[in-house]
Amino acid sequence: MSGWFWWAAGGLALVLILGRRPLAALGRLAVRSGLGLVFLWLFQGIGALLGVTLGVNLLNGLVLGILGLPGLGLLLLAQWAGA
């Protein structure tokens, strides 16, 4: 094996060792945002009956993933204020 392979393997190992916590945090954020998107998709049916519409997009999913239930209130308040 050539020298570049060993440098790349060493660099990858260093990134994995030093970046374990940030990578885990990004993984949790991705999962929570995905769940937020699923919730928004399910909320479309109920929201239509209530007269409230929220878009199913990455920004709204991130807001729900980071803030949770208060994020839903924030999105609903922003939608109400813009209307």
N, C-alpha and C. Protein backbone atom coordinates (compact mmCIF):
# COMPACT_ATOMS: atom_id res chain seq x y z
N MET A 1 0.84 -1.17 0.00
CA MET A 1 0.00 0.00 0.00
C MET A 1 0.88 1.24 0.00
N SER A 2 0.38 2.25 -0.66
CA SER A 2 1.17 3.46 -0.79
C SER A 2 1.02 4.35 0.44
N GLY A 3 1.85 5.36 0.49
CA GLY A 3 1.89 6.23 1.66
C GLY A 3 0.63 7.06 1.84
N TRP A 4 -0.02 7.45 0.73
CA TRP A 4 -1.22 8.28 0.86
C TRP A 4 -2.33 7.54 1.57
N PHE A 5 -2.41 6.22 1.40
CA PHE A 5 -3.44 5.43 2.06
C PHE A 5 -3.28 5.51 3.58
N TRP A 6 -2.06 5.39 4.06
CA TRP A 6 -1.82 5.43 5.49
C TRP A 6 -2.08 6.82 6.06
N TRP A 7 -1.74 7.86 5.31
CA TRP A 7 -2.05 9.22 5.76
C TRP A 7 -3.57 9.43 5.82
N ALA A 8 -4.28 8.96 4.82
CA ALA A 8 -5.74 9.11 4.80
C ALA A 8 -6.38 8.31 5.94
N ALA A 9 -5.89 7.10 6.18
CA ALA A 9 -6.44 6.29 7.27
C ALA A 9 -6.16 6.93 8.62
N GLY A 10 -4.96 7.46 8.79
CA GLY A 10 -4.62 8.15 10.04
C GLY A 10 -5.45 9.40 10.24
N GLY A 11 -5.65 10.17 9.17
CA GLY A 11 -6.48 11.37 9.26
C GLY A 11 -7.93 11.04 9.58
N LEU A 12 -8.45 9.98 8.97
CA LEU A 12 -9.81 9.56 9.25
C LEU A 12 -9.96 9.10 10.69
N ALA A 13 -8.99 8.36 11.19
CA ALA A 13 -9.03 7.92 12.59
C ALA A 13 -8.97 9.12 13.53
N LEU A 14 -8.15 10.11 13.21
CA LEU A 14 -8.06 11.31 14.04
C LEU A 14 -9.37 12.08 14.05
N VAL A 15 -10.00 12.21 12.89
CA VAL A 15 -11.28 12.90 12.81
C VAL A 15 -12.34 12.16 13.61
N LEU A 16 -12.36 10.85 13.52
CA LEU A 16 -13.35 10.07 14.26
C LEU A 16 -13.13 10.13 15.77
N ILE A 17 -11.88 10.15 16.19
CA ILE A 17 -11.58 10.21 17.63
C ILE A 17 -11.89 11.61 18.18
N LEU A 18 -11.40 12.65 17.50
CA LEU A 18 -11.61 14.01 18.00
C LEU A 18 -13.01 14.52 17.73
N GLY A 19 -13.67 13.99 16.72
CA GLY A 19 -14.98 14.51 16.35
C GLY A 19 -16.13 13.64 16.80
N ARG A 20 -15.91 12.79 17.79
CA ARG A 20 -16.97 11.87 18.21
C ARG A 20 -18.18 12.63 18.75
N ARG A 21 -17.97 13.59 19.63
CA ARG A 21 -19.10 14.32 20.22
C ARG A 21 -19.81 15.20 19.19
N PRO A 22 -19.08 15.98 18.38
CA PRO A 22 -19.80 16.78 17.38
C PRO A 22 -20.57 15.91 16.38
N LEU A 23 -20.00 14.77 16.00
CA LEU A 23 -20.70 13.88 15.07
C LEU A 23 -21.93 13.29 15.72
N ALA A 24 -21.86 12.97 17.00
CA ALA A 24 -23.02 12.44 17.71
C ALA A 24 -24.10 13.51 17.84
N ALA A 25 -23.70 14.75 18.09
CA ALA A 25 -24.67 15.84 18.18
C ALA A 25 -25.34 16.08 16.84
N LEU A 26 -24.57 16.02 15.75
CA LEU A 26 -25.16 16.18 14.43
C LEU A 26 -26.11 15.03 14.11
N GLY A 27 -25.76 13.84 14.54
CA GLY A 27 -26.64 12.69 14.33
C GLY A 27 -27.95 12.84 15.09
N ARG A 28 -27.88 13.30 16.34
CA ARG A 28 -29.10 13.53 17.11
C ARG A 28 -29.95 14.62 16.48
N LEU A 29 -29.31 15.68 15.99
CA LEU A 29 -30.04 16.76 15.34
C LEU A 29 -30.72 16.25 14.07
N ALA A 30 -30.05 15.41 13.30
CA ALA A 30 -30.64 14.86 12.08
C ALA A 30 -31.86 14.00 12.41
N VAL A 31 -31.75 13.18 13.45
CA VAL A 31 -32.87 12.32 13.83
C VAL A 31 -34.05 13.16 14.32
N ARG A 32 -33.77 14.14 15.18
CA ARG A 32 -34.84 14.98 15.71
C ARG A 32 -35.49 15.82 14.62
N SER A 33 -34.69 16.31 13.66
CA SER A 33 -35.25 17.07 12.55
C SER A 33 -36.09 16.18 11.65
N GLY A 34 -35.65 14.96 11.45
CA GLY A 34 -36.45 14.01 10.68
C GLY A 34 -37.78 13.73 11.34
N LEU A 35 -37.76 13.56 12.66
CA LEU A 35 -39.01 13.37 13.39
C LEU A 35 -39.89 14.62 13.32
N GLY A 36 -39.27 15.79 13.32
CA GLY A 36 -40.02 17.03 13.17
C GLY A 36 -40.69 17.11 11.82
N LEU A 37 -40.00 16.66 10.77
CA LEU A 37 -40.60 16.64 9.44
C LEU A 37 -41.77 15.67 9.37
N VAL A 38 -41.62 14.52 10.02
CA VAL A 38 -42.72 13.56 10.06
C VAL A 38 -43.92 14.16 10.79
N PHE A 39 -43.66 14.85 11.91
CA PHE A 39 -44.74 15.49 12.65
C PHE A 39 -45.42 16.56 11.79
N LEU A 40 -44.66 17.36 11.06
CA LEU A 40 -45.25 18.37 10.19
C LEU A 40 -46.11 17.74 9.12
N TRP A 41 -45.66 16.63 8.58
CA TRP A 41 -46.42 15.93 7.56
C TRP A 41 -47.74 15.41 8.13
N LEU A 42 -47.69 14.88 9.36
CA LEU A 42 -48.91 14.41 10.01
C LEU A 42 -49.80 15.58 10.41
N PHE A 43 -49.21 16.72 10.76
CA PHE A 43 -49.95 17.89 11.20
C PHE A 43 -50.72 18.54 10.05
N GLN A 44 -50.33 18.26 8.81
CA GLN A 44 -51.01 18.84 7.66
C GLN A 44 -52.49 18.49 7.66
N GLY A 45 -52.83 17.24 7.96
CA GLY A 45 -54.23 16.83 7.95
C GLY A 45 -55.03 17.48 9.06
N ILE A 46 -54.47 17.51 10.26
CA ILE A 46 -55.16 18.13 11.40
C ILE A 46 -55.19 19.64 11.24
N GLY A 47 -54.10 20.21 10.77
CA GLY A 47 -54.03 21.65 10.60
C GLY A 47 -55.01 22.16 9.56
N ALA A 48 -55.27 21.37 8.53
CA ALA A 48 -56.24 21.79 7.51
C ALA A 48 -57.63 21.89 8.12
N LEU A 49 -57.96 20.99 9.04
CA LEU A 49 -59.26 21.05 9.70
C LEU A 49 -59.36 22.27 10.62
N LEU A 50 -58.24 22.66 11.21
CA LEU A 50 -58.21 23.80 12.13
C LEU A 50 -57.98 25.13 11.41
N GLY A 51 -57.64 25.08 10.14
CA GLY A 51 -57.36 26.30 9.40
C GLY A 51 -55.94 26.80 9.56
N VAL A 52 -55.05 25.94 9.97
CA VAL A 52 -53.64 26.29 10.18
C VAL A 52 -52.80 25.49 9.21
N THR A 53 -51.93 26.15 8.48
CA THR A 53 -51.06 25.45 7.55
C THR A 53 -49.61 25.77 7.86
N LEU A 54 -48.81 24.74 7.93
CA LEU A 54 -47.36 24.89 8.09
C LEU A 54 -46.71 24.09 6.98
N GLY A 55 -45.71 24.67 6.36
CA GLY A 55 -45.01 23.98 5.29
C GLY A 55 -44.13 22.87 5.82
N VAL A 56 -44.05 21.79 5.05
CA VAL A 56 -43.15 20.69 5.40
C VAL A 56 -41.85 20.95 4.64
N ASN A 57 -40.90 21.60 5.32
CA ASN A 57 -39.62 21.89 4.70
C ASN A 57 -38.50 21.75 5.73
N LEU A 58 -37.29 21.82 5.27
CA LEU A 58 -36.14 21.56 6.14
C LEU A 58 -36.02 22.60 7.25
N LEU A 59 -36.31 23.85 6.96
CA LEU A 59 -36.20 24.88 8.00
C LEU A 59 -37.19 24.63 9.12
N ASN A 60 -38.43 24.33 8.80
CA ASN A 60 -39.42 24.04 9.83
C ASN A 60 -39.05 22.76 10.59
N GLY A 61 -38.51 21.78 9.89
CA GLY A 61 -38.07 20.56 10.56
C GLY A 61 -36.92 20.82 11.52
N LEU A 62 -35.99 21.70 11.14
CA LEU A 62 -34.89 22.05 12.03
C LEU A 62 -35.38 22.81 13.25
N VAL A 63 -36.34 23.72 13.06
CA VAL A 63 -36.89 24.45 14.20
C VAL A 63 -37.54 23.48 15.18
N LEU A 64 -38.32 22.54 14.66
CA LEU A 64 -38.94 21.55 15.54
C LEU A 64 -37.90 20.62 16.15
N GLY A 65 -36.86 20.28 15.40
CA GLY A 65 -35.82 19.40 15.92
C GLY A 65 -35.02 20.04 17.02
N ILE A 66 -34.77 21.33 16.93
CA ILE A 66 -33.96 22.02 17.94
C ILE A 66 -34.81 22.43 19.13
N LEU A 67 -35.99 23.01 18.87
CA LEU A 67 -36.79 23.59 19.95
C LEU A 67 -37.90 22.67 20.46
N GLY A 68 -38.30 21.70 19.68
CA GLY A 68 -39.36 20.79 20.11
C GLY A 68 -40.73 21.45 20.10
N LEU A 69 -41.52 21.20 21.13
CA LEU A 69 -42.88 21.73 21.22
C LEU A 69 -42.91 23.26 21.25
N PRO A 70 -42.01 23.94 21.96
CA PRO A 70 -42.00 25.41 21.85
C PRO A 70 -41.71 25.88 20.42
N GLY A 71 -40.98 25.10 19.66
CA GLY A 71 -40.74 25.44 18.26
C GLY A 71 -42.01 25.39 17.44
N LEU A 72 -42.89 24.44 17.76
CA LEU A 72 -44.18 24.37 17.08
C LEU A 72 -44.98 25.63 17.38
N GLY A 73 -44.99 26.04 18.64
CA GLY A 73 -45.67 27.29 19.01
C GLY A 73 -45.08 28.48 18.28
N LEU A 74 -43.76 28.52 18.15
CA LEU A 74 -43.10 29.61 17.45
C LEU A 74 -43.50 29.63 15.98
N LEU A 75 -43.53 28.46 15.34
CA LEU A 75 -43.93 28.39 13.94
C LEU A 75 -45.38 28.81 13.75
N LEU A 76 -46.24 28.37 14.66
CA LEU A 76 -47.65 28.76 14.56
C LEU A 76 -47.82 30.26 14.78
N LEU A 77 -47.07 30.83 15.73
CA LEU A 77 -47.13 32.26 15.98
C LEU A 77 -46.61 33.04 14.77
N ALA A 78 -45.54 32.58 14.17
CA ALA A 78 -44.98 33.25 12.99
C ALA A 78 -45.95 33.18 11.82
N GLN A 79 -46.63 32.04 11.67
CA GLN A 79 -47.61 31.90 10.60
C GLN A 79 -48.82 32.81 10.86
N TRP A 80 -49.23 32.92 12.10
CA TRP A 80 -50.36 33.78 12.45
C TRP A 80 -50.02 35.25 12.26
N ALA A 81 -48.80 35.63 12.65
CA ALA A 81 -48.38 37.03 12.54
C ALA A 81 -48.20 37.44 11.07
N GLY A 82 -47.83 36.51 10.22
CA GLY A 82 -47.62 36.83 8.81
C GLY A 82 -48.91 36.89 8.01
N ALA A 83 -49.98 36.35 8.57
CA ALA A 83 -51.23 36.31 7.82
C ALA A 83 -52.03 37.58 7.97
